[in-house]
Amino acid sequence: MQRKNYILNSSHTSKLTKNGMAMIMAIMVIVIIGTIMALSIAMTSLTTKSTNDLYLYEQSVLLSKSATEYALLRVAEDNNDSDPCNYKGNSFTQDDIYDINISIKYAYKSFPTSCTSNLRYLTVTTDEQNGSVLIDVSVSVTKSSVTTEPIRYFRRSIQKL
């Protein structure tokens, strides 16, 4: 005589619990993979935005250096004995993205009459200091559609004439 007692038989009850456990494990794997994918997409978009802003900032730095050299060239071309304050600055745009403004101030021992008050920076006392120019260059990104935050770079340079 054989007893048919399923209480001690683990094969009958394990089928029911294995099916439920597999479902819970599958849901957990899907949730973990979904979270990882959402984080990677968020990091990718953030990295793309910061890379674009960094590129525009570096372009602004290079444009400010070029604008400073341009201003020095114009001062050297236009500077003569009769009108040493001939170049007054400039403003222009580059690729419809960057707005570049050049401001010029002069420093002389005795200013000529042609040098207006808005171009005078200061009056110096020695001959060694005579004939200097203060160049202010500001470069800003004018298109808000290409950047996520406002970008503006300012460069000040003083040069001896």
Protein backbone atom coordinates (compact mmCIF):
# COMPACT_ATOMS: atom_id res chain seq x y z
CA MET A 1 0.00 0.00 0.00
CA GLN A 2 1.25 3.27 -0.98
CA ARG A 3 0.32 6.59 0.45
CA LYS A 4 -0.47 9.38 -1.89
CA ASN A 5 0.37 12.33 0.25
CA TYR A 6 1.29 15.50 -1.65
CA ILE A 7 2.24 17.47 1.43
CA LEU A 8 5.77 16.17 1.50
CA ASN A 9 6.16 16.01 -2.26
CA SER A 10 7.93 19.15 -3.38
CA SER A 11 7.49 18.59 -7.12
CA HIS A 12 3.79 19.43 -7.04
CA THR A 13 4.08 22.78 -5.15
CA SER A 14 7.29 23.96 -6.82
CA LYS A 15 5.63 24.33 -10.23
CA LEU A 16 3.23 26.91 -8.86
CA THR A 17 5.88 29.01 -7.11
CA LYS A 18 8.39 28.82 -10.00
CA ASN A 19 5.91 30.37 -12.43
CA GLY A 20 5.23 33.31 -10.09
CA MET A 21 8.92 33.84 -9.36
CA ALA A 22 9.79 33.92 -13.06
CA MET A 23 7.20 36.65 -13.63
CA ILE A 24 8.57 38.76 -10.78
CA MET A 25 12.15 38.34 -12.06
CA ALA A 26 11.11 39.31 -15.61
CA ILE A 27 9.39 42.48 -14.35
CA MET A 28 12.45 43.42 -12.28
CA VAL A 29 14.79 42.95 -15.26
CA ILE A 30 12.53 45.10 -17.47
CA VAL A 31 12.41 47.87 -14.83
CA ILE A 32 16.20 47.85 -14.35
CA ILE A 33 16.92 47.93 -18.10
CA GLY A 34 14.34 50.70 -18.59
CA THR A 35 15.96 52.82 -15.85
CA ILE A 36 19.41 52.36 -17.35
CA MET A 37 18.14 53.33 -20.82
CA ALA A 38 16.41 56.46 -19.48
CA LEU A 39 19.58 57.56 -17.69
CA SER A 40 21.73 56.99 -20.77
CA ILE A 41 19.37 59.02 -22.97
CA ALA A 42 19.36 61.87 -20.43
CA MET A 43 23.18 61.85 -20.22
CA THR A 44 23.49 61.83 -24.02
CA SER A 45 21.29 64.90 -24.44
CA LEU A 46 23.11 66.74 -21.63
CA THR A 47 26.50 65.91 -23.15
CA THR A 48 25.39 67.13 -26.58
CA LYS A 49 24.19 70.46 -25.18
CA SER A 50 27.36 71.08 -23.17
CA THR A 51 29.56 70.13 -26.15
CA ASN A 52 27.73 72.63 -28.34
CA ASP A 53 28.03 75.39 -25.72
CA LEU A 54 31.72 74.65 -25.22
CA TYR A 55 32.34 74.85 -28.96
CA LEU A 56 30.56 78.23 -29.21
CA TYR A 57 32.52 79.56 -26.22
CA GLU A 58 35.86 78.51 -27.72
CA GLN A 59 34.87 80.13 -31.01
CA SER A 60 34.10 83.33 -29.07
CA VAL A 61 37.56 83.28 -27.51
CA LEU A 62 39.24 82.85 -30.88
CA LEU A 63 37.10 85.58 -32.45
CA SER A 64 38.03 87.99 -29.65
CA LYS A 65 41.74 87.37 -30.30
CA SER A 66 41.23 87.96 -34.01
CA ALA A 67 39.23 91.13 -33.37
CA THR A 68 42.00 92.44 -31.08
CA GLU A 69 44.57 91.87 -33.81
CA TYR A 70 42.26 93.54 -36.32
CA ALA A 71 41.88 96.57 -34.05
CA LEU A 72 45.66 96.82 -33.64
CA LEU A 73 46.06 96.72 -37.40
CA ARG A 74 43.50 99.49 -37.88
CA VAL A 75 45.10 101.63 -35.18
CA ALA A 76 48.50 101.18 -36.81
CA GLU A 77 47.09 102.03 -40.26
CA ASP A 78 45.09 105.07 -39.21
CA ASN A 79 47.46 106.47 -36.59
CA ASN A 80 49.30 109.52 -37.92
CA ASP A 81 50.76 112.69 -36.47
CA SER A 82 47.86 114.94 -37.45
CA ASP A 83 45.14 112.67 -36.05
CA PRO A 84 46.47 109.96 -33.71
CA CYS A 85 42.94 109.06 -32.54
CA ASN A 86 41.67 108.21 -36.00
CA TYR A 87 40.29 104.70 -35.37
CA LYS A 88 37.26 104.76 -33.08
CA GLY A 89 36.25 101.09 -32.90
CA ASN A 90 34.00 98.81 -34.85
CA SER A 91 31.14 96.36 -34.51
CA PHE A 92 30.16 93.56 -36.86
CA THR A 93 28.63 90.09 -36.97
CA GLN A 94 30.18 86.76 -37.90
CA ASP A 95 28.05 84.06 -39.58
CA ASP A 96 24.87 85.67 -38.14
CA ILE A 97 25.71 83.96 -34.84
CA TYR A 98 28.35 86.16 -33.18
CA ASP A 99 28.10 89.86 -32.41
CA ILE A 100 31.57 91.45 -32.10
CA ASN A 101 32.08 94.93 -30.63
CA ILE A 102 35.44 96.72 -30.51
CA SER A 103 35.87 99.76 -28.28
CA ILE A 104 39.02 101.90 -28.34
CA LYS A 105 40.42 104.34 -25.76
CA TYR A 106 43.71 106.21 -26.07
CA ALA A 107 46.29 107.35 -23.50
CA TYR A 108 48.57 110.26 -24.37
CA LYS A 109 50.71 112.76 -22.52
CA SER A 110 48.95 115.61 -24.28
CA PHE A 111 45.90 114.79 -26.34
CA PRO A 112 45.52 116.46 -29.74
CA THR A 113 42.39 118.50 -30.35
CA SER A 114 41.05 115.92 -32.82
CA CYS A 115 40.86 113.30 -30.09
CA THR A 116 37.34 113.60 -28.65
CA SER A 117 36.59 113.08 -24.98
CA ASN A 118 34.86 109.73 -25.50
CA LEU A 119 38.13 108.32 -26.97
CA ARG A 120 40.33 109.54 -24.10
CA TYR A 121 41.17 107.00 -21.45
CA LEU A 122 43.68 108.90 -19.32
CA THR A 123 46.46 111.43 -19.50
CA VAL A 124 49.87 109.98 -18.72
CA THR A 125 52.82 111.86 -17.23
CA THR A 126 55.95 110.33 -18.77
CA ASP A 127 57.19 109.98 -22.33
CA GLU A 128 57.51 106.20 -21.91
CA GLN A 129 53.79 105.89 -21.25
CA ASN A 130 52.81 108.24 -24.08
CA GLY A 131 50.87 106.67 -26.95
CA SER A 132 49.00 103.66 -25.62
CA VAL A 133 45.68 102.21 -26.66
CA LEU A 134 43.14 100.27 -24.57
CA ILE A 135 41.17 97.79 -26.67
CA ASP A 136 37.97 96.26 -25.34
CA VAL A 137 36.47 93.43 -27.39
CA SER A 138 33.21 91.72 -26.52
CA VAL A 139 31.90 88.71 -28.41
CA SER A 140 28.42 87.41 -27.73
CA VAL A 141 26.21 84.76 -29.31
CA THR A 142 23.17 86.50 -30.76
CA LYS A 143 21.13 83.48 -31.85
CA SER A 144 19.30 81.90 -28.95
CA SER A 145 18.37 78.90 -31.06
CA VAL A 146 21.97 77.60 -31.24
CA THR A 147 22.79 77.70 -27.53
CA THR A 148 21.10 76.70 -24.30
CA GLU A 149 22.61 79.52 -22.24
CA PRO A 150 23.83 83.03 -23.13
CA ILE A 151 27.49 83.11 -24.14
CA ARG A 152 29.51 86.33 -23.88
CA TYR A 153 33.27 86.71 -23.84
CA PHE A 154 35.05 89.96 -22.96
CA ARG A 155 38.74 90.68 -23.66
CA ARG A 156 40.70 93.78 -22.62
CA SER A 157 44.13 94.53 -23.98
CA ILE A 158 46.48 97.49 -23.65
CA GLN A 159 49.07 98.07 -26.36
CA LYS A 160 51.84 100.53 -26.90
CA LEU A 161 51.63 102.56 -30.13
